[in-house]
Amino acid sequence: MANTFKNQVKAAVGTSPQTIYTTAVGVSTTIIGMTIANLLNTTITANVILNSGGTDYYMVKMAPIDPGNSLITIGGEQKLVMTANDVLKVSTSNASSADVILSLLELT
């Protein structure tokens, strides 16, 4: 079994849920960190959604992020395990308002 550390990034996430990461078939993934940075001069809200088995589940819903700040949704002692075909998505309250950085470990 191979272990591979990776980063996934997505710029200017907005009001439509954007796929940040999809777990491939035959892969297990541990998300070890996720940061959402506010790009605007106004407070935004962010949603983090895990789609598993075709159903969306909110990890974070309408979490406020002040101007010049970021939200760490996964990190420290909190991790997320994803299995084949799970999808991690992010949306915000404003168009092109956030950058997302995801750190993960894939096990193949």
PDB file of N, CA and C in Angstrom:
ATOM      1  N   MET A   1       0.831  -1.177   0.000  1.00  0.00           N
ATOM      2  CA  MET A   1       0.000   0.000   0.000  1.00  0.00           C
ATOM      3  C   MET A   1       0.881   1.247   0.000  1.00  0.00           C
ATOM      4  N   ALA A   2       0.589   2.168  -0.924  1.00  0.00           N
ATOM      5  CA  ALA A   2       1.359   3.406  -1.015  1.00  0.00           C
ATOM      6  C   ALA A   2       0.620   4.535  -0.315  1.00  0.00           C
ATOM      7  N   ASN A   3       1.375   5.373   0.380  1.00  0.00           N
ATOM      8  CA  ASN A   3       0.831   6.569   1.030  1.00  0.00           C
ATOM      9  C   ASN A   3       1.385   7.783   0.311  1.00  0.00           C
ATOM     10  N   THR A   4       0.483   8.678  -0.125  1.00  0.00           N
ATOM     11  CA  THR A   4       0.909   9.861  -0.864  1.00  0.00           C
ATOM     12  C   THR A   4       0.255  11.099  -0.274  1.00  0.00           C
ATOM     13  N   PHE A   5       1.081  12.047   0.185  1.00  0.00           N
ATOM     14  CA  PHE A   5       0.570  13.326   0.661  1.00  0.00           C
ATOM     15  C   PHE A   5       0.334  14.233  -0.537  1.00  0.00           C
ATOM     16  N   LYS A   6      -0.785  14.978  -0.516  1.00  0.00           N
ATOM     17  CA  LYS A   6      -1.120  15.879  -1.611  1.00  0.00           C
ATOM     18  C   LYS A   6      -1.798  17.136  -1.072  1.00  0.00           C
ATOM     19  N   ASN A   7      -1.781  18.188  -1.889  1.00  0.00           N
ATOM     20  CA  ASN A   7      -2.596  19.386  -1.671  1.00  0.00           C
ATOM     21  C   ASN A   7      -3.533  19.527  -2.850  1.00  0.00           C
ATOM     22  N   GLN A   8      -4.749  19.950  -2.581  1.00  0.00           N
ATOM     23  CA  GLN A   8      -5.703  20.330  -3.609  1.00  0.00           C
ATOM     24  C   GLN A   8      -6.060  21.780  -3.320  1.00  0.00           C
ATOM     25  N   VAL A   9      -6.093  22.611  -4.347  1.00  0.00           N
ATOM     26  CA  VAL A   9      -6.427  24.014  -4.160  1.00  0.00           C
ATOM     27  C   VAL A   9      -7.520  24.408  -5.146  1.00  0.00           C
ATOM     28  N   LYS A  10      -8.336  25.359  -4.725  1.00  0.00           N
ATOM     29  CA  LYS A  10      -9.390  25.891  -5.585  1.00  0.00           C
ATOM     30  C   LYS A  10      -9.480  27.376  -5.314  1.00  0.00           C
ATOM     31  N   ALA A  11      -9.349  28.170  -6.373  1.00  0.00           N
ATOM     32  CA  ALA A  11      -9.378  29.628  -6.245  1.00  0.00           C
ATOM     33  C   ALA A  11     -10.775  30.163  -6.532  1.00  0.00           C
ATOM     34  N   ALA A  12     -11.095  31.261  -5.871  1.00  0.00           N
ATOM     35  CA  ALA A  12     -12.302  32.049  -6.150  1.00  0.00           C
ATOM     36  C   ALA A  12     -13.588  31.231  -6.118  1.00  0.00           C
ATOM     37  N   VAL A  13     -13.753  30.441  -5.067  1.00  0.00           N
ATOM     38  CA  VAL A  13     -14.985  29.672  -4.877  1.00  0.00           C
ATOM     39  C   VAL A  13     -16.128  30.646  -4.595  1.00  0.00           C
ATOM     40  N   GLY A  14     -17.306  30.323  -5.118  1.00  0.00           N
ATOM     41  CA  GLY A  14     -18.455  31.212  -4.949  1.00  0.00           C
ATOM     42  C   GLY A  14     -19.709  30.482  -4.529  1.00  0.00           C
ATOM     43  N   THR A  15     -20.847  30.945  -5.043  1.00  0.00           N
ATOM     44  CA  THR A  15     -22.146  30.502  -4.551  1.00  0.00           C
ATOM     45  C   THR A  15     -22.556  29.103  -5.003  1.00  0.00           C
ATOM     46  N   SER A  16     -22.000  28.607  -6.078  1.00  0.00           N
ATOM     47  CA  SER A  16     -22.281  27.232  -6.506  1.00  0.00           C
ATOM     48  C   SER A  16     -21.272  26.290  -5.854  1.00  0.00           C
ATOM     49  N   PRO A  17     -21.736  25.162  -5.307  1.00  0.00           N
ATOM     50  CA  PRO A  17     -20.786  24.222  -4.696  1.00  0.00           C
ATOM     51  C   PRO A  17     -19.713  23.785  -5.696  1.00  0.00           C
ATOM     52  N   GLN A  18     -18.473  23.953  -5.303  1.00  0.00           N
ATOM     53  CA  GLN A  18     -17.332  23.573  -6.136  1.00  0.00           C
ATOM     54  C   GLN A  18     -16.688  22.316  -5.572  1.00  0.00           C
ATOM     55  N   THR A  19     -16.424  21.351  -6.435  1.00  0.00           N
ATOM     56  CA  THR A  19     -15.736  20.136  -6.002  1.00  0.00           C
ATOM     57  C   THR A  19     -14.278  20.470  -5.712  1.00  0.00           C
ATOM     58  N   ILE A  20     -13.866  20.163  -4.492  1.00  0.00           N
ATOM     59  CA  ILE A  20     -12.479  20.378  -4.091  1.00  0.00           C
ATOM     60  C   ILE A  20     -11.686  19.086  -4.275  1.00  0.00           C
ATOM     61  N   TYR A  21     -12.336  17.954  -3.983  1.00  0.00           N
ATOM     62  CA  TYR A  21     -11.631  16.672  -4.075  1.00  0.00           C
ATOM     63  C   TYR A  21     -12.655  15.547  -4.214  1.00  0.00           C
ATOM     64  N   THR A  22     -12.317  14.572  -5.060  1.00  0.00           N
ATOM     65  CA  THR A  22     -13.097  13.341  -5.207  1.00  0.00           C
ATOM     66  C   THR A  22     -12.166  12.162  -4.981  1.00  0.00           C
ATOM     67  N   THR A  23     -12.564  11.238  -4.130  1.00  0.00           N
ATOM     68  CA  THR A  23     -11.752  10.054  -3.866  1.00  0.00           C
ATOM     69  C   THR A  23     -11.939   9.052  -5.000  1.00  0.00           C
ATOM     70  N   ALA A  24     -10.851   8.604  -5.566  1.00  0.00           N
ATOM     71  CA  ALA A  24     -10.888   7.646  -6.674  1.00  0.00           C
ATOM     72  C   ALA A  24     -11.249   6.243  -6.172  1.00  0.00           C
ATOM     73  N   VAL A  25     -11.706   5.419  -7.088  1.00  0.00           N
ATOM     74  CA  VAL A  25     -11.986   4.023  -6.767  1.00  0.00           C
ATOM     75  C   VAL A  25     -10.682   3.336  -6.373  1.00  0.00           C
ATOM     76  N   GLY A  26     -10.717   2.525  -5.340  1.00  0.00           N
ATOM     77  CA  GLY A  26      -9.532   1.819  -4.875  1.00  0.00           C
ATOM     78  C   GLY A  26      -8.631   2.650  -3.987  1.00  0.00           C
ATOM     79  N   VAL A  27      -9.103   3.832  -3.600  1.00  0.00           N
ATOM     80  CA  VAL A  27      -8.307   4.741  -2.770  1.00  0.00           C
ATOM     81  C   VAL A  27      -9.095   5.084  -1.510  1.00  0.00           C
ATOM     82  N   SER A  28      -8.404   5.158  -0.399  1.00  0.00           N
ATOM     83  CA  SER A  28      -8.945   5.728   0.835  1.00  0.00           C
ATOM     84  C   SER A  28      -8.159   7.000   1.102  1.00  0.00           C
ATOM     85  N   THR A  29      -8.846   8.019   1.561  1.00  0.00           N
ATOM     86  CA  THR A  29      -8.202   9.311   1.768  1.00  0.00           C
ATOM     87  C   THR A  29      -8.479   9.815   3.163  1.00  0.00           C
ATOM     88  N   THR A  30      -7.445  10.349   3.799  1.00  0.00           N
ATOM     89  CA  THR A  30      -7.617  11.050   5.065  1.00  0.00           C
ATOM     90  C   THR A  30      -7.336  12.521   4.818  1.00  0.00           C
ATOM     91  N   ILE A  31      -8.355  13.350   5.054  1.00  0.00           N
ATOM     92  CA  ILE A  31      -8.183  14.793   4.930  1.00  0.00           C
ATOM     93  C   ILE A  31      -7.570  15.268   6.246  1.00  0.00           C
ATOM     94  N   ILE A  32      -6.404  15.891   6.161  1.00  0.00           N
ATOM     95  CA  ILE A  32      -5.694  16.293   7.378  1.00  0.00           C
ATOM     96  C   ILE A  32      -5.745  17.795   7.631  1.00  0.00           C
ATOM     97  N   GLY A  33      -6.205  18.556   6.624  1.00  0.00           N
ATOM     98  CA  GLY A  33      -6.335  19.996   6.832  1.00  0.00           C
ATOM     99  C   GLY A  33      -7.137  20.637   5.724  1.00  0.00           C
ATOM    100  N   MET A  34      -7.956  21.631   6.111  1.00  0.00           N
ATOM    101  CA  MET A  34      -8.722  22.380   5.124  1.00  0.00           C
ATOM    102  C   MET A  34      -8.908  23.801   5.615  1.00  0.00           C
ATOM    103  N   THR A  35      -8.502  24.761   4.783  1.00  0.00           N
ATOM    104  CA  THR A  35      -8.613  26.175   5.113  1.00  0.00           C
ATOM    105  C   THR A  35      -9.382  26.886   4.010  1.00  0.00           C
ATOM    106  N   ILE A  36     -10.327  27.727   4.429  1.00  0.00           N
ATOM    107  CA  ILE A  36     -11.098  28.549   3.492  1.00  0.00           C
ATOM    108  C   ILE A  36     -10.778  30.003   3.828  1.00  0.00           C
ATOM    109  N   ALA A  37     -10.204  30.745   2.871  1.00  0.00           N
ATOM    110  CA  ALA A  37      -9.786  32.131   3.094  1.00  0.00           C
ATOM    111  C   ALA A  37     -10.745  33.092   2.410  1.00  0.00           C
ATOM    112  N   ASN A  38     -11.206  34.092   3.150  1.00  0.00           N
ATOM    113  CA  ASN A  38     -12.081  35.127   2.614  1.00  0.00           C
ATOM    114  C   ASN A  38     -11.263  36.093   1.764  1.00  0.00           C
ATOM    115  N   LEU A  39     -11.672  36.297   0.514  1.00  0.00           N
ATOM    116  CA  LEU A  39     -10.968  37.190  -0.410  1.00  0.00           C
ATOM    117  C   LEU A  39     -11.566  38.590  -0.461  1.00  0.00           C
ATOM    118  N   LEU A  40     -12.707  38.784   0.187  1.00  0.00           N
ATOM    119  CA  LEU A  40     -13.440  40.036   0.067  1.00  0.00           C
ATOM    120  C   LEU A  40     -13.216  40.965   1.259  1.00  0.00           C
ATOM    121  N   ASN A  41     -13.733  42.181   1.130  1.00  0.00           N
ATOM    122  CA  ASN A  41     -13.667  43.162   2.213  1.00  0.00           C
ATOM    123  C   ASN A  41     -14.947  43.185   3.033  1.00  0.00           C
ATOM    124  N   THR A  42     -15.703  42.110   2.956  1.00  0.00           N
ATOM    125  CA  THR A  42     -16.937  41.961   3.715  1.00  0.00           C
ATOM    126  C   THR A  42     -17.011  40.540   4.257  1.00  0.00           C
ATOM    127  N   THR A  43     -17.782  40.335   5.301  1.00  0.00           N
ATOM    128  CA  THR A  43     -17.945  38.996   5.861  1.00  0.00           C
ATOM    129  C   THR A  43     -18.704  38.114   4.881  1.00  0.00           C
ATOM    130  N   ILE A  44     -18.229  36.883   4.732  1.00  0.00           N
ATOM    131  CA  ILE A  44     -18.917  35.880   3.918  1.00  0.00           C
ATOM    132  C   ILE A  44     -19.287  34.707   4.818  1.00  0.00           C
ATOM    133  N   THR A  45     -20.129  33.817   4.309  1.00  0.00           N
ATOM    134  CA  THR A  45     -20.368  32.552   4.994  1.00  0.00           C
ATOM    135  C   THR A  45     -19.931  31.426   4.069  1.00  0.00           C
ATOM    136  N   ALA A  46     -19.552  30.302   4.676  1.00  0.00           N
ATOM    137  CA  ALA A  46     -19.061  29.165   3.902  1.00  0.00           C
ATOM    138  C   ALA A  46     -19.789  27.890   4.302  1.00  0.00           C
ATOM    139  N   ASN A  47     -19.939  27.010   3.313  1.00  0.00           N
ATOM    140  CA  ASN A  47     -20.507  25.682   3.514  1.00  0.00           C
ATOM    141  C   ASN A  47     -19.486  24.651   3.057  1.00  0.00           C
ATOM    142  N   VAL A  48     -19.340  23.587   3.829  1.00  0.00           N
ATOM    143  CA  VAL A  48     -18.506  22.454   3.439  1.00  0.00           C
ATOM    144  C   VAL A  48     -19.423  21.244   3.411  1.00  0.00           C
ATOM    145  N   ILE A  49     -19.452  20.572   2.264  1.00  0.00           N
ATOM    146  CA  ILE A  49     -20.390  19.486   2.034  1.00  0.00           C
ATOM    147  C   ILE A  49     -19.627  18.229   1.651  1.00  0.00           C
ATOM    148  N   LEU A  50     -19.954  17.118   2.300  1.00  0.00           N
ATOM    149  CA  LEU A  50     -19.436  15.810   1.913  1.00  0.00           C
ATOM    150  C   LEU A  50     -20.559  15.064   1.219  1.00  0.00           C
ATOM    151  N   ASN A  51     -20.329  14.679  -0.042  1.00  0.00           N
ATOM    152  CA  ASN A  51     -21.288  13.849  -0.751  1.00  0.00           C
ATOM    153  C   ASN A  51     -20.782  12.418  -0.671  1.00  0.00           C
ATOM    154  N   SER A  52     -21.585  11.573  -0.032  1.00  0.00           N
ATOM    155  CA  SER A  52     -21.236  10.166   0.128  1.00  0.00           C
ATOM    156  C   SER A  52     -22.448   9.332  -0.272  1.00  0.00           C
ATOM    157  N   GLY A  53     -22.252   8.419  -1.187  1.00  0.00           N
ATOM    158  CA  GLY A  53     -23.351   7.585  -1.645  1.00  0.00           C
ATOM    159  C   GLY A  53     -24.441   8.366  -2.348  1.00  0.00           C
ATOM    160  N   GLY A  54     -24.091   9.517  -2.938  1.00  0.00           N
ATOM    161  CA  GLY A  54     -25.056  10.326  -3.663  1.00  0.00           C
ATOM    162  C   GLY A  54     -25.849  11.294  -2.799  1.00  0.00           C
ATOM    163  N   THR A  55     -25.564  11.327  -1.498  1.00  0.00           N
ATOM    164  CA  THR A  55     -26.277  12.222  -0.585  1.00  0.00           C
ATOM    165  C   THR A  55     -25.318  13.261  -0.035  1.00  0.00           C
ATOM    166  N   ASP A  56     -25.784  14.523   0.008  1.00  0.00           N
ATOM    167  CA  ASP A  56     -24.984  15.611   0.574  1.00  0.00           C
ATOM    168  C   ASP A  56     -25.170  15.700   2.084  1.00  0.00           C
ATOM    169  N   TYR A  57     -24.049  15.842   2.792  1.00  0.00           N
ATOM    170  CA  TYR A  57     -24.048  16.024   4.241  1.00  0.00           C
ATOM    171  C   TYR A  57     -23.213  17.270   4.557  1.00  0.00           C
ATOM    172  N   TYR A  58     -23.778  18.183   5.333  1.00  0.00           N
ATOM    173  CA  TYR A  58     -23.050  19.393   5.710  1.00  0.00           C
ATOM    174  C   TYR A  58     -22.081  19.088   6.836  1.00  0.00           C
ATOM    175  N   MET A  59     -20.819  19.461   6.646  1.00  0.00           N
ATOM    176  CA  MET A  59     -19.835  19.447   7.728  1.00  0.00           C
ATOM    177  C   MET A  59     -19.854  20.802   8.419  1.00  0.00           C
ATOM    178  N   VAL A  60     -20.012  21.851   7.602  1.00  0.00           N
ATOM    179  CA  VAL A  60     -20.098  23.228   8.081  1.00  0.00           C
ATOM    180  C   VAL A  60     -21.187  23.891   7.260  1.00  0.00           C
ATOM    181  N   LYS A  61     -22.082  24.622   7.922  1.00  0.00           N
ATOM    182  CA  LYS A  61     -23.145  25.317   7.195  1.00  0.00           C
ATOM    183  C   LYS A  61     -23.214  26.768   7.647  1.00  0.00           C
ATOM    184  N   MET A  62     -23.047  27.669   6.682  1.00  0.00           N
ATOM    185  CA  MET A  62     -23.153  29.109   6.897  1.00  0.00           C
ATOM    186  C   MET A  62     -22.216  29.622   7.994  1.00  0.00           C
ATOM    187  N   ALA A  63     -21.002  29.130   8.004  1.00  0.00           N
ATOM    188  CA  ALA A  63     -19.993  29.581   8.970  1.00  0.00           C
ATOM    189  C   ALA A  63     -19.448  30.934   8.519  1.00  0.00           C
ATOM    190  N   PRO A  64     -19.488  31.949   9.380  1.00  0.00           N
ATOM    191  CA  PRO A  64     -19.001  33.273   8.984  1.00  0.00           C
ATOM    192  C   PRO A  64     -17.473  33.327   8.923  1.00  0.00           C
ATOM    193  N   ILE A  65     -16.977  34.062   7.920  1.00  0.00           N
ATOM    194  CA  ILE A  65     -15.540  34.320   7.800  1.00  0.00           C
ATOM    195  C   ILE A  65     -15.391  35.820   7.579  1.00  0.00           C
ATOM    196  N   ASP A  66     -14.775  36.505   8.518  1.00  0.00           N
ATOM    197  CA  ASP A  66     -14.600  37.957   8.444  1.00  0.00           C
ATOM    198  C   ASP A  66     -13.550  38.325   7.397  1.00  0.00           C
ATOM    199  N   PRO A  67     -13.577  39.571   6.926  1.00  0.00           N
ATOM    200  CA  PRO A  67     -12.568  40.025   5.958  1.00  0.00           C
ATOM    201  C   PRO A  67     -11.148  39.825   6.493  1.00  0.00           C
ATOM    202  N   GLY A  68     -10.273  39.366   5.629  1.00  0.00           N
ATOM    203  CA  GLY A  68      -8.881  39.172   6.021  1.00  0.00           C
ATOM    204  C   GLY A  68      -8.642  37.949   6.883  1.00  0.00           C
ATOM    205  N   ASN A  69      -9.659  37.117   7.071  1.00  0.00           N
ATOM    206  CA  ASN A  69      -9.527  35.931   7.915  1.00  0.00           C
ATOM    207  C   ASN A  69      -9.785  34.659   7.121  1.00  0.00           C
ATOM    208  N   SER A  70      -9.555  33.537   7.797  1.00  0.00           N
ATOM    209  CA  SER A  70      -9.831  32.241   7.189  1.00  0.00           C
ATOM    210  C   SER A  70     -10.514  31.350   8.214  1.00  0.00           C
ATOM    211  N   LEU A  71     -11.084  30.277   7.713  1.00  0.00           N
ATOM    212  CA  LEU A  71     -11.754  29.289   8.546  1.00  0.00           C
ATOM    213  C   LEU A  71     -11.032  27.966   8.364  1.00  0.00           C
ATOM    214  N   ILE A  72     -10.576  27.388   9.452  1.00  0.00           N
ATOM    215  CA  ILE A  72      -9.953  26.065   9.405  1.00  0.00           C
ATOM    216  C   ILE A  72     -11.043  25.068   9.764  1.00  0.00           C
ATOM    217  N   THR A  73     -11.530  24.355   8.748  1.00  0.00           N
ATOM    218  CA  THR A  73     -12.647  23.443   8.963  1.00  0.00           C
ATOM    219  C   THR A  73     -12.201  22.038   9.345  1.00  0.00           C
ATOM    220  N   ILE A  74     -10.999  21.672   8.940  1.00  0.00           N
ATOM    221  CA  ILE A  74     -10.420  20.373   9.295  1.00  0.00           C
ATOM    222  C   ILE A  74      -8.972  20.626   9.643  1.00  0.00           C
ATOM    223  N   GLY A  75      -8.522  20.049  10.753  1.00  0.00           N
ATOM    224  CA  GLY A  75      -7.131  20.217  11.153  1.00  0.00           C
ATOM    225  C   GLY A  75      -6.957  19.898  12.620  1.00  0.00           C
ATOM    226  N   GLY A  76      -5.715  19.915  13.069  1.00  0.00           N
ATOM    227  CA  GLY A  76      -5.450  19.566  14.463  1.00  0.00           C
ATOM    228  C   GLY A  76      -5.843  18.128  14.715  1.00  0.00           C
ATOM    229  N   GLU A  77      -6.693  17.907  15.703  1.00  0.00           N
ATOM    230  CA  GLU A  77      -7.115  16.548  16.039  1.00  0.00           C
ATOM    231  C   GLU A  77      -8.272  16.065  15.176  1.00  0.00           C
ATOM    232  N   GLN A  78      -8.918  16.971  14.466  1.00  0.00           N
ATOM    233  CA  GLN A  78     -10.052  16.597  13.624  1.00  0.00           C
ATOM    234  C   GLN A  78      -9.575  16.209  12.236  1.00  0.00           C
ATOM    235  N   LYS A  79      -9.956  15.033  11.776  1.00  0.00           N
ATOM    236  CA  LYS A  79      -9.631  14.538  10.442  1.00  0.00           C
ATOM    237  C   LYS A  79     -10.926  14.075   9.788  1.00  0.00           C
ATOM    238  N   LEU A  80     -10.872  13.834   8.496  1.00  0.00           N
ATOM    239  CA  LEU A  80     -12.015  13.290   7.761  1.00  0.00           C
ATOM    240  C   LEU A  80     -11.525  12.142   6.895  1.00  0.00           C
ATOM    241  N   VAL A  81     -12.174  10.997   6.993  1.00  0.00           N
ATOM    242  CA  VAL A  81     -11.845   9.847   6.159  1.00  0.00           C
ATOM    243  C   VAL A  81     -12.852   9.786   5.023  1.00  0.00           C
ATOM    244  N   MET A  82     -12.334   9.680   3.796  1.00  0.00           N
ATOM    245  CA  MET A  82     -13.173   9.573   2.607  1.00  0.00           C
ATOM    246  C   MET A  82     -12.866   8.258   1.900  1.00  0.00           C
ATOM    247  N   THR A  83     -13.922   7.631   1.356  1.00  0.00           N
ATOM    248  CA  THR A  83     -13.751   6.387   0.618  1.00  0.00           C
ATOM    249  C   THR A  83     -14.139   6.613  -0.842  1.00  0.00           C
ATOM    250  N   ALA A  84     -14.024   5.576  -1.650  1.00  0.00           N
ATOM    251  CA  ALA A  84     -14.233   5.673  -3.098  1.00  0.00           C
ATOM    252  C   ALA A  84     -15.496   6.445  -3.459  1.00  0.00           C
ATOM    253  N   ASN A  85     -15.337   7.389  -4.369  1.00  0.00           N
ATOM    254  CA  ASN A  85     -16.411   8.210  -4.926  1.00  0.00           C
ATOM    255  C   ASN A  85     -16.994   9.254  -3.979  1.00  0.00           C
ATOM    256  N   ASP A  86     -16.453   9.403  -2.774  1.00  0.00           N
ATOM    257  CA  ASP A  86     -16.858  10.512  -1.904  1.00  0.00           C
ATOM    258  C   ASP A  86     -16.356  11.817  -2.512  1.00  0.00           C
ATOM    259  N   VAL A  87     -17.158  12.878  -2.371  1.00  0.00           N
ATOM    260  CA  VAL A  87     -16.819  14.174  -2.954  1.00  0.00           C
ATOM    261  C   VAL A  87     -16.903  15.238  -1.865  1.00  0.00           C
ATOM    262  N   LEU A  88     -15.869  16.073  -1.777  1.00  0.00           N
ATOM    263  CA  LEU A  88     -15.844  17.187  -0.836  1.00  0.00           C
ATOM    264  C   LEU A  88     -16.054  18.474  -1.623  1.00  0.00           C
ATOM    265  N   LYS A  89     -17.069  19.265  -1.233  1.00  0.00           N
ATOM    266  CA  LYS A  89     -17.434  20.483  -1.962  1.00  0.00           C
ATOM    267  C   LYS A  89     -17.490  21.669  -1.006  1.00  0.00           C
ATOM    268  N   VAL A  90     -17.278  22.860  -1.565  1.00  0.00           N
ATOM    269  CA  VAL A  90     -17.355  24.103  -0.795  1.00  0.00           C
ATOM    270  C   VAL A  90     -18.154  25.119  -1.590  1.00  0.00           C
ATOM    271  N   SER A  91     -18.989  25.884  -0.890  1.00  0.00           N
ATOM    272  CA  SER A  91     -19.660  27.036  -1.489  1.00  0.00           C
ATOM    273  C   SER A  91     -19.625  28.180  -0.482  1.00  0.00           C
ATOM    274  N   THR A  92     -19.835  29.388  -0.984  1.00  0.00           N
ATOM    275  CA  THR A  92     -19.854  30.567  -0.115  1.00  0.00           C
ATOM    276  C   THR A  92     -21.056  31.445  -0.465  1.00  0.00           C
ATOM    277  N   SER A  93     -21.252  32.465   0.326  1.00  0.00           N
ATOM    278  CA  SER A  93     -22.404  33.346   0.150  1.00  0.00           C
ATOM    279  C   SER A  93     -22.221  34.384  -0.953  1.00  0.00           C
ATOM    280  N   ASN A  94     -21.004  34.573  -1.426  1.00  0.00           N
ATOM    281  CA  ASN A  94     -20.711  35.590  -2.436  1.00  0.00           C
ATOM    282  C   ASN A  94     -19.906  34.985  -3.578  1.00  0.00           C
ATOM    283  N   ALA A  95     -20.081  35.552  -4.764  1.00  0.00           N
ATOM    284  CA  ALA A  95     -19.339  35.074  -5.931  1.00  0.00           C
ATOM    285  C   ALA A  95     -17.842  35.296  -5.763  1.00  0.00           C
ATOM    286  N   SER A  96     -17.060  34.322  -6.191  1.00  0.00           N
ATOM    287  CA  SER A  96     -15.587  34.419  -6.221  1.00  0.00           C
ATOM    288  C   SER A  96     -15.020  34.990  -4.931  1.00  0.00           C
ATOM    289  N   SER A  97     -15.449  34.454  -3.793  1.00  0.00           N
ATOM    290  CA  SER A  97     -15.126  35.081  -2.513  1.00  0.00           C
ATOM    291  C   SER A  97     -14.135  34.329  -1.631  1.00  0.00           C
ATOM    292  N   ALA A  98     -13.722  33.119  -2.032  1.00  0.00           N
ATOM    293  CA  ALA A  98     -12.840  32.354  -1.135  1.00  0.00           C
ATOM    294  C   ALA A  98     -11.886  31.463  -1.905  1.00  0.00           C
ATOM    295  N   ASP A  99     -10.692  31.299  -1.353  1.00  0.00           N
ATOM    296  CA  ASP A  99      -9.749  30.286  -1.814  1.00  0.00           C
ATOM    297  C   ASP A  99      -9.765  29.141  -0.810  1.00  0.00           C
ATOM    298  N   VAL A 100      -9.625  27.914  -1.321  1.00  0.00           N
ATOM    299  CA  VAL A 100      -9.653  26.738  -0.471  1.00  0.00           C
ATOM    300  C   VAL A 100      -8.357  25.952  -0.660  1.00  0.00           C
ATOM    301  N   ILE A 101      -7.754  25.564   0.457  1.00  0.00           N
ATOM    302  CA  ILE A 101      -6.556  24.718   0.431  1.00  0.00           C
ATOM    303  C   ILE A 101      -6.865  23.466   1.249  1.00  0.00           C
ATOM    304  N   LEU A 102      -6.658  22.320   0.629  1.00  0.00           N
ATOM    305  CA  LEU A 102      -6.954  21.028   1.243  1.00  0.00           C
ATOM    306  C   LEU A 102      -5.671  20.210   1.277  1.00  0.00           C
ATOM    307  N   SER A 103      -5.327  19.677   2.433  1.00  0.00           N
ATOM    308  CA  SER A 103      -4.171  18.782   2.576  1.00  0.00           C
ATOM    309  C   SER A 103      -4.693  17.393   2.887  1.00  0.00           C
ATOM    310  N   LEU A 104      -4.130  16.381   2.216  1.00  0.00           N
ATOM    311  CA  LEU A 104      -4.671  15.036   2.361  1.00  0.00           C
ATOM    312  C   LEU A 104      -3.606  13.979   2.228  1.00  0.00           C
ATOM    313  N   LEU A 105      -3.983  12.781   2.644  1.00  0.00           N
ATOM    314  CA  LEU A 105      -3.141  11.595   2.511  1.00  0.00           C
ATOM    315  C   LEU A 105      -3.947  10.522   1.797  1.00  0.00           C
ATOM    316  N   GLU A 106      -3.466  10.125   0.623  1.00  0.00           N
ATOM    317  CA  GLU A 106      -4.131   9.044  -0.120  1.00  0.00           C
ATOM    318  C   GLU A 106      -3.448   7.728   0.174  1.00  0.00           C
ATOM    319  N   LEU A 107      -4.260   6.683   0.398  1.00  0.00           N
ATOM    320  CA  LEU A 107      -3.770   5.334   0.605  1.00  0.00           C
ATOM    321  C   LEU A 107      -4.258   4.472  -0.560  1.00  0.00           C
ATOM    322  N   THR A 108      -3.297   3.979  -1.336  1.00  0.00           N
ATOM    323  CA  THR A 108      -3.657   3.176  -2.517  1.00  0.00           C
ATOM    324  C   THR A 108      -3.127   1.771  -2.387  1.00  0.00           C
TER     325      THR A 108
END
